[in-house]
């Protein structure tokens, strides 16, 4: 996880489990740029709730299987 956000994610692992989905394919399916996917995977920022749902849907996963809160409870 990067230094920017207390939200962790499994985007990269899930992309590979989905037959090697590229960052660009995920970006296209989620309506964002590839640079956004790169930044999310690196943990540089937390997505909006809407974007989190769009990414989870594009990956065929539940939102809680894609994003995890790593901050203080």
PDB file of N, CA and C in Angstrom:
ATOM      1  N   UNK A   1       0.845  -1.176   0.000  1.00  0.00           N
ATOM      2  CA  UNK A   1       0.000   0.000   0.000  1.00  0.00           C
ATOM      3  C   UNK A   1       0.883   1.229   0.000  1.00  0.00           C
ATOM      4  N   UNK A   2       0.463   2.263  -0.704  1.00  0.00           N
ATOM      5  CA  UNK A   2       1.217   3.501  -0.767  1.00  0.00           C
ATOM      6  C   UNK A   2       1.030   4.329   0.488  1.00  0.00           C
ATOM      7  N   UNK A   3       1.534   5.545   0.465  1.00  0.00           N
ATOM      8  CA  UNK A   3       1.485   6.412   1.633  1.00  0.00           C
ATOM      9  C   UNK A   3       0.263   7.305   1.672  1.00  0.00           C
ATOM     10  N   UNK A   4      -0.555   7.301   0.616  1.00  0.00           N
ATOM     11  CA  UNK A   4      -1.579   8.304   0.499  1.00  0.00           C
ATOM     12  C   UNK A   4      -2.914   8.026   1.157  1.00  0.00           C
ATOM     13  N   UNK A   5      -3.261   6.800   1.455  1.00  0.00           N
ATOM     14  CA  UNK A   5      -4.609   6.521   1.909  1.00  0.00           C
ATOM     15  C   UNK A   5      -4.668   5.309   2.837  1.00  0.00           C
ATOM     16  N   UNK A   6      -5.597   5.321   3.783  1.00  0.00           N
ATOM     17  CA  UNK A   6      -5.777   4.152   4.643  1.00  0.00           C
ATOM     18  C   UNK A   6      -6.680   3.082   4.023  1.00  0.00           C
ATOM     19  N   UNK A   7      -6.969   3.212   2.730  1.00  0.00           N
ATOM     20  CA  UNK A   7      -7.807   2.224   2.046  1.00  0.00           C
ATOM     21  C   UNK A   7      -6.909   1.324   1.212  1.00  0.00           C
ATOM     22  N   UNK A   8      -6.892   0.037   1.561  1.00  0.00           N
ATOM     23  CA  UNK A   8      -6.134  -0.932   0.782  1.00  0.00           C
ATOM     24  C   UNK A   8      -7.017  -1.533  -0.297  1.00  0.00           C
ATOM     25  N   UNK A   9      -6.401  -2.193  -1.259  1.00  0.00           N
ATOM     26  CA  UNK A   9      -7.210  -2.828  -2.293  1.00  0.00           C
ATOM     27  C   UNK A   9      -6.509  -4.054  -2.857  1.00  0.00           C
ATOM     28  N   UNK A  10      -7.302  -4.864  -3.519  1.00  0.00           N
ATOM     29  CA  UNK A  10      -6.800  -6.084  -4.156  1.00  0.00           C
ATOM     30  C   UNK A  10      -7.005  -6.018  -5.674  1.00  0.00           C
ATOM     31  N   UNK A  11      -7.013  -4.820  -6.214  1.00  0.00           N
ATOM     32  CA  UNK A  11      -7.298  -4.639  -7.642  1.00  0.00           C
ATOM     33  C   UNK A  11      -6.328  -5.439  -8.504  1.00  0.00           C
ATOM     34  N   UNK A  12      -5.049  -5.296  -8.248  1.00  0.00           N
ATOM     35  CA  UNK A  12      -4.055  -5.981  -9.089  1.00  0.00           C
ATOM     36  C   UNK A  12      -4.263  -7.496  -9.057  1.00  0.00           C
ATOM     37  N   UNK A  13      -4.395  -8.077  -7.872  1.00  0.00           N
ATOM     38  CA  UNK A  13      -4.598  -9.522  -7.749  1.00  0.00           C
ATOM     39  C   UNK A  13      -5.865  -9.956  -8.477  1.00  0.00           C
ATOM     40  N   UNK A  14      -6.942  -9.204  -8.293  1.00  0.00           N
ATOM     41  CA  UNK A  14      -8.205  -9.564  -8.945  1.00  0.00           C
ATOM     42  C   UNK A  14      -8.115  -9.453 -10.464  1.00  0.00           C
ATOM     43  N   UNK A  15      -7.391  -8.462 -10.964  1.00  0.00           N
ATOM     44  CA  UNK A  15      -7.205  -8.357 -12.418  1.00  0.00           C
ATOM     45  C   UNK A  15      -6.555  -9.621 -12.962  1.00  0.00           C
ATOM     46  N   UNK A  16      -5.512 -10.101 -12.288  1.00  0.00           N
ATOM     47  CA  UNK A  16      -4.816 -11.298 -12.753  1.00  0.00           C
ATOM     48  C   UNK A  16      -5.678 -12.539 -12.606  1.00  0.00           C
ATOM     49  N   UNK A  17      -6.472 -12.595 -11.557  1.00  0.00           N
ATOM     50  CA  UNK A  17      -7.382 -13.729 -11.381  1.00  0.00           C
ATOM     51  C   UNK A  17      -8.476 -13.734 -12.442  1.00  0.00           C
ATOM     52  N   UNK A  18      -8.740 -12.606 -13.035  1.00  0.00           N
ATOM     53  CA  UNK A  18      -9.756 -12.489 -14.090  1.00  0.00           C
ATOM     54  C   UNK A  18      -9.129 -12.684 -15.461  1.00  0.00           C
ATOM     55  N   UNK A  19      -8.133 -13.534 -15.539  1.00  0.00           N
ATOM     56  CA  UNK A  19      -7.520 -13.847 -16.833  1.00  0.00           C
ATOM     57  C   UNK A  19      -6.529 -12.820 -17.311  1.00  0.00           C
ATOM     58  N   UNK A  20      -5.962 -12.069 -16.395  1.00  0.00           N
ATOM     59  CA  UNK A  20      -4.958 -11.083 -16.780  1.00  0.00           C
ATOM     60  C   UNK A  20      -5.555  -9.812 -17.360  1.00  0.00           C
ATOM     61  N   UNK A  21      -6.701  -9.402 -16.835  1.00  0.00           N
ATOM     62  CA  UNK A  21      -7.320  -8.145 -17.268  1.00  0.00           C
ATOM     63  C   UNK A  21      -6.290  -7.022 -17.176  1.00  0.00           C
ATOM     64  N   UNK A  22      -6.160  -6.252 -18.231  1.00  0.00           N
ATOM     65  CA  UNK A  22      -5.187  -5.155 -18.216  1.00  0.00           C
ATOM     66  C   UNK A  22      -5.730  -3.966 -17.431  1.00  0.00           C
ATOM     67  N   UNK A  23      -4.819  -3.092 -17.040  1.00  0.00           N
ATOM     68  CA  UNK A  23      -5.232  -1.856 -16.378  1.00  0.00           C
ATOM     69  C   UNK A  23      -6.142  -1.059 -17.308  1.00  0.00           C
ATOM     70  N   UNK A  24      -5.813  -1.043 -18.602  1.00  0.00           N
ATOM     71  CA  UNK A  24      -6.632  -0.293 -19.547  1.00  0.00           C
ATOM     72  C   UNK A  24      -8.024  -0.876 -19.679  1.00  0.00           C
ATOM     73  N   UNK A  25      -8.136  -2.209 -19.702  1.00  0.00           N
ATOM     74  CA  UNK A  25      -9.453  -2.847 -19.794  1.00  0.00           C
ATOM     75  C   UNK A  25     -10.295  -2.516 -18.565  1.00  0.00           C
ATOM     76  N   UNK A  26      -9.676  -2.536 -17.384  1.00  0.00           N
ATOM     77  CA  UNK A  26     -10.396  -2.180 -16.169  1.00  0.00           C
ATOM     78  C   UNK A  26     -10.793  -0.718 -16.196  1.00  0.00           C
ATOM     79  N   UNK A  27      -9.900   0.130 -16.646  1.00  0.00           N
ATOM     80  CA  UNK A  27     -10.201   1.556 -16.749  1.00  0.00           C
ATOM     81  C   UNK A  27     -11.394   1.785 -17.681  1.00  0.00           C
ATOM     82  N   UNK A  28     -11.369   1.152 -18.831  1.00  0.00           N
ATOM     83  CA  UNK A  28     -12.460   1.302 -19.795  1.00  0.00           C
ATOM     84  C   UNK A  28     -13.782   0.816 -19.202  1.00  0.00           C
ATOM     85  N   UNK A  29     -13.751  -0.321 -18.522  1.00  0.00           N
ATOM     86  CA  UNK A  29     -14.971  -0.892 -17.939  1.00  0.00           C
ATOM     87  C   UNK A  29     -15.491  -0.052 -16.772  1.00  0.00           C
ATOM     88  N   UNK A  30     -14.589   0.711 -16.138  1.00  0.00           N
ATOM     89  CA  UNK A  30     -14.967   1.511 -14.967  1.00  0.00           C
ATOM     90  C   UNK A  30     -15.217   2.974 -15.296  1.00  0.00           C
ATOM     91  N   UNK A  31     -14.900   3.374 -16.518  1.00  0.00           N
ATOM     92  CA  UNK A  31     -15.122   4.764 -16.918  1.00  0.00           C
ATOM     93  C   UNK A  31     -14.098   5.747 -16.385  1.00  0.00           C
ATOM     94  N   UNK A  32     -12.853   5.253 -16.185  1.00  0.00           N
ATOM     95  CA  UNK A  32     -11.770   6.121 -15.718  1.00  0.00           C
ATOM     96  C   UNK A  32     -10.563   5.942 -16.630  1.00  0.00           C
ATOM     97  N   UNK A  33      -9.497   6.680 -16.353  1.00  0.00           N
ATOM     98  CA  UNK A  33      -8.278   6.537 -17.137  1.00  0.00           C
ATOM     99  C   UNK A  33      -7.399   5.439 -16.556  1.00  0.00           C
ATOM    100  N   UNK A  34      -6.481   4.967 -17.368  1.00  0.00           N
ATOM    101  CA  UNK A  34      -5.514   3.973 -16.898  1.00  0.00           C
ATOM    102  C   UNK A  34      -4.691   4.546 -15.748  1.00  0.00           C
ATOM    103  N   UNK A  35      -4.379   5.838 -15.812  1.00  0.00           N
ATOM    104  CA  UNK A  35      -3.613   6.485 -14.750  1.00  0.00           C
ATOM    105  C   UNK A  35      -4.353   6.416 -13.415  1.00  0.00           C
ATOM    106  N   UNK A  36      -5.675   6.483 -13.457  1.00  0.00           N
ATOM    107  CA  UNK A  36      -6.468   6.362 -12.233  1.00  0.00           C
ATOM    108  C   UNK A  36      -6.335   4.962 -11.659  1.00  0.00           C
ATOM    109  N   UNK A  37      -6.402   3.950 -12.515  1.00  0.00           N
ATOM    110  CA  UNK A  37      -6.246   2.575 -12.057  1.00  0.00           C
ATOM    111  C   UNK A  37      -4.853   2.380 -11.456  1.00  0.00           C
ATOM    112  N   UNK A  38      -3.839   2.908 -12.097  1.00  0.00           N
ATOM    113  CA  UNK A  38      -2.467   2.807 -11.586  1.00  0.00           C
ATOM    114  C   UNK A  38      -2.374   3.434 -10.198  1.00  0.00           C
ATOM    115  N   UNK A  39      -2.933   4.625 -10.035  1.00  0.00           N
ATOM    116  CA  UNK A  39      -2.884   5.319  -8.743  1.00  0.00           C
ATOM    117  C   UNK A  39      -3.646   4.561  -7.666  1.00  0.00           C
ATOM    118  N   UNK A  40      -4.788   3.997  -8.018  1.00  0.00           N
ATOM    119  CA  UNK A  40      -5.559   3.210  -7.048  1.00  0.00           C
ATOM    120  C   UNK A  40      -4.792   1.964  -6.622  1.00  0.00           C
ATOM    121  N   UNK A  41      -4.246   1.237  -7.584  1.00  0.00           N
ATOM    122  CA  UNK A  41      -3.484   0.027  -7.266  1.00  0.00           C
ATOM    123  C   UNK A  41      -2.302   0.338  -6.358  1.00  0.00           C
ATOM    124  N   UNK A  42      -1.686   1.487  -6.566  1.00  0.00           N
ATOM    125  CA  UNK A  42      -0.518   1.877  -5.773  1.00  0.00           C
ATOM    126  C   UNK A  42      -0.916   2.429  -4.403  1.00  0.00           C
ATOM    127  N   UNK A  43      -2.212   2.610  -4.173  1.00  0.00           N
ATOM    128  CA  UNK A  43      -2.668   3.133  -2.895  1.00  0.00           C
ATOM    129  C   UNK A  43      -2.427   4.611  -2.722  1.00  0.00           C
ATOM    130  N   UNK A  44      -2.324   5.347  -3.834  1.00  0.00           N
ATOM    131  CA  UNK A  44      -2.061   6.785  -3.744  1.00  0.00           C
ATOM    132  C   UNK A  44      -3.293   7.596  -3.382  1.00  0.00           C
ATOM    133  N   UNK A  45      -4.469   7.044  -3.623  1.00  0.00           N
ATOM    134  CA  UNK A  45      -5.683   7.718  -3.174  1.00  0.00           C
ATOM    135  C   UNK A  45      -6.831   6.735  -3.069  1.00  0.00           C
ATOM    136  N   UNK A  46      -7.814   7.121  -2.280  1.00  0.00           N
ATOM    137  CA  UNK A  46      -9.009   6.296  -2.089  1.00  0.00           C
ATOM    138  C   UNK A  46     -10.061   6.722  -3.110  1.00  0.00           C
ATOM    139  N   UNK A  47     -10.737   5.772  -3.709  1.00  0.00           N
ATOM    140  CA  UNK A  47     -11.757   6.126  -4.696  1.00  0.00           C
ATOM    141  C   UNK A  47     -13.016   6.658  -4.016  1.00  0.00           C
ATOM    142  N   UNK A  48     -13.815   7.373  -4.790  1.00  0.00           N
ATOM    143  CA  UNK A  48     -15.147   7.736  -4.306  1.00  0.00           C
ATOM    144  C   UNK A  48     -15.945   6.447  -4.155  1.00  0.00           C
ATOM    145  N   UNK A  49     -17.021   6.514  -3.431  1.00  0.00           N
ATOM    146  CA  UNK A  49     -17.866   5.329  -3.264  1.00  0.00           C
ATOM    147  C   UNK A  49     -18.388   4.852  -4.614  1.00  0.00           C
ATOM    148  N   UNK A  50     -18.800   5.779  -5.458  1.00  0.00           N
ATOM    149  CA  UNK A  50     -19.295   5.414  -6.787  1.00  0.00           C
ATOM    150  C   UNK A  50     -18.220   4.682  -7.587  1.00  0.00           C
ATOM    151  N   UNK A  51     -17.005   5.212  -7.595  1.00  0.00           N
ATOM    152  CA  UNK A  51     -15.937   4.571  -8.354  1.00  0.00           C
ATOM    153  C   UNK A  51     -15.592   3.207  -7.770  1.00  0.00           C
ATOM    154  N   UNK A  52     -15.602   3.095  -6.461  1.00  0.00           N
ATOM    155  CA  UNK A  52     -15.334   1.798  -5.830  1.00  0.00           C
ATOM    156  C   UNK A  52     -16.343   0.764  -6.305  1.00  0.00           C
ATOM    157  N   UNK A  53     -17.616   1.128  -6.366  1.00  0.00           N
ATOM    158  CA  UNK A  53     -18.635   0.199  -6.847  1.00  0.00           C
ATOM    159  C   UNK A  53     -18.432  -0.134  -8.324  1.00  0.00           C
ATOM    160  N   UNK A  54     -18.067   0.862  -9.136  1.00  0.00           N
ATOM    161  CA  UNK A  54     -17.861   0.610 -10.564  1.00  0.00           C
ATOM    162  C   UNK A  54     -16.691  -0.345 -10.789  1.00  0.00           C
ATOM    163  N   UNK A  55     -15.609  -0.151 -10.035  1.00  0.00           N
ATOM    164  CA  UNK A  55     -14.446  -1.030 -10.171  1.00  0.00           C
ATOM    165  C   UNK A  55     -14.799  -2.448  -9.719  1.00  0.00           C
ATOM    166  N   UNK A  56     -15.458  -2.559  -8.584  1.00  0.00           N
ATOM    167  CA  UNK A  56     -15.859  -3.881  -8.095  1.00  0.00           C
ATOM    168  C   UNK A  56     -16.736  -4.584  -9.125  1.00  0.00           C
ATOM    169  N   UNK A  57     -17.691  -3.865  -9.681  1.00  0.00           N
ATOM    170  CA  UNK A  57     -18.580  -4.446 -10.691  1.00  0.00           C
ATOM    171  C   UNK A  57     -17.776  -4.908 -11.910  1.00  0.00           C
ATOM    172  N   UNK A  58     -16.849  -4.071 -12.371  1.00  0.00           N
ATOM    173  CA  UNK A  58     -16.037  -4.425 -13.536  1.00  0.00           C
ATOM    174  C   UNK A  58     -15.186  -5.667 -13.269  1.00  0.00           C
ATOM    175  N   UNK A  59     -14.799  -5.862 -12.016  1.00  0.00           N
ATOM    176  CA  UNK A  59     -13.998  -7.022 -11.648  1.00  0.00           C
ATOM    177  C   UNK A  59     -14.858  -8.233 -11.290  1.00  0.00           C
ATOM    178  N   UNK A  60     -16.174  -8.051 -11.272  1.00  0.00           N
ATOM    179  CA  UNK A  60     -17.065  -9.141 -10.914  1.00  0.00           C
ATOM    180  C   UNK A  60     -16.913  -9.550  -9.464  1.00  0.00           C
ATOM    181  N   UNK A  61     -16.649  -8.569  -8.615  1.00  0.00           N
ATOM    182  CA  UNK A  61     -16.393  -8.850  -7.202  1.00  0.00           C
ATOM    183  C   UNK A  61     -17.257  -7.950  -6.320  1.00  0.00           C
ATOM    184  N   UNK A  62     -17.338  -8.327  -5.046  1.00  0.00           N
ATOM    185  CA  UNK A  62     -18.032  -7.479  -4.076  1.00  0.00           C
ATOM    186  C   UNK A  62     -17.090  -6.352  -3.671  1.00  0.00           C
ATOM    187  N   UNK A  63     -17.653  -5.209  -3.377  1.00  0.00           N
ATOM    188  CA  UNK A  63     -16.827  -4.052  -3.032  1.00  0.00           C
ATOM    189  C   UNK A  63     -15.891  -4.355  -1.863  1.00  0.00           C
ATOM    190  N   UNK A  64     -16.368  -5.125  -0.881  1.00  0.00           N
ATOM    191  CA  UNK A  64     -15.528  -5.428   0.277  1.00  0.00           C
ATOM    192  C   UNK A  64     -14.417  -6.424  -0.054  1.00  0.00           C
ATOM    193  N   UNK A  65     -14.525  -7.097  -1.197  1.00  0.00           N
ATOM    194  CA  UNK A  65     -13.451  -7.979  -1.634  1.00  0.00           C
ATOM    195  C   UNK A  65     -12.392  -7.213  -2.418  1.00  0.00           C
ATOM    196  N   UNK A  66     -12.718  -6.001  -2.824  1.00  0.00           N
ATOM    197  CA  UNK A  66     -11.786  -5.172  -3.590  1.00  0.00           C
ATOM    198  C   UNK A  66     -11.097  -4.141  -2.703  1.00  0.00           C
ATOM    199  N   UNK A  67     -11.867  -3.508  -1.818  1.00  0.00           N
ATOM    200  CA  UNK A  67     -11.340  -2.427  -0.972  1.00  0.00           C
ATOM    201  C   UNK A  67     -11.462  -2.766   0.491  1.00  0.00           C
ATOM    202  N   UNK A  68     -10.419  -2.431   1.262  1.00  0.00           N
ATOM    203  CA  UNK A  68     -10.395  -2.693   2.691  1.00  0.00           C
ATOM    204  C   UNK A  68      -9.921  -1.446   3.430  1.00  0.00           C
ATOM    205  N   UNK A  69     -10.585  -1.134   4.521  1.00  0.00           N
ATOM    206  CA  UNK A  69     -10.204  -0.012   5.370  1.00  0.00           C
ATOM    207  C   UNK A  69      -9.004  -0.425   6.219  1.00  0.00           C
ATOM    208  N   UNK A  70      -7.919   0.339   6.139  1.00  0.00           N
ATOM    209  CA  UNK A  70      -6.700   0.033   6.886  1.00  0.00           C
ATOM    210  C   UNK A  70      -6.403   1.073   7.968  1.00  0.00           C
ATOM    211  N   UNK A  71      -7.317   2.041   8.122  1.00  0.00           N
ATOM    212  CA  UNK A  71      -7.096   3.100   9.093  1.00  0.00           C
ATOM    213  C   UNK A  71      -7.579   2.710  10.479  1.00  0.00           C
ATOM    214  N   UNK A  72      -7.566   3.671  11.358  1.00  0.00           N
ATOM    215  CA  UNK A  72      -8.066   3.457  12.725  1.00  0.00           C
ATOM    216  C   UNK A  72      -9.562   3.251  12.690  1.00  0.00           C
ATOM    217  N   UNK A  73     -10.047   2.366  13.524  1.00  0.00           N
ATOM    218  CA  UNK A  73     -11.486   2.068  13.566  1.00  0.00           C
ATOM    219  C   UNK A  73     -12.238   3.185  14.222  1.00  0.00           C
TER     220      UNK A  73
END
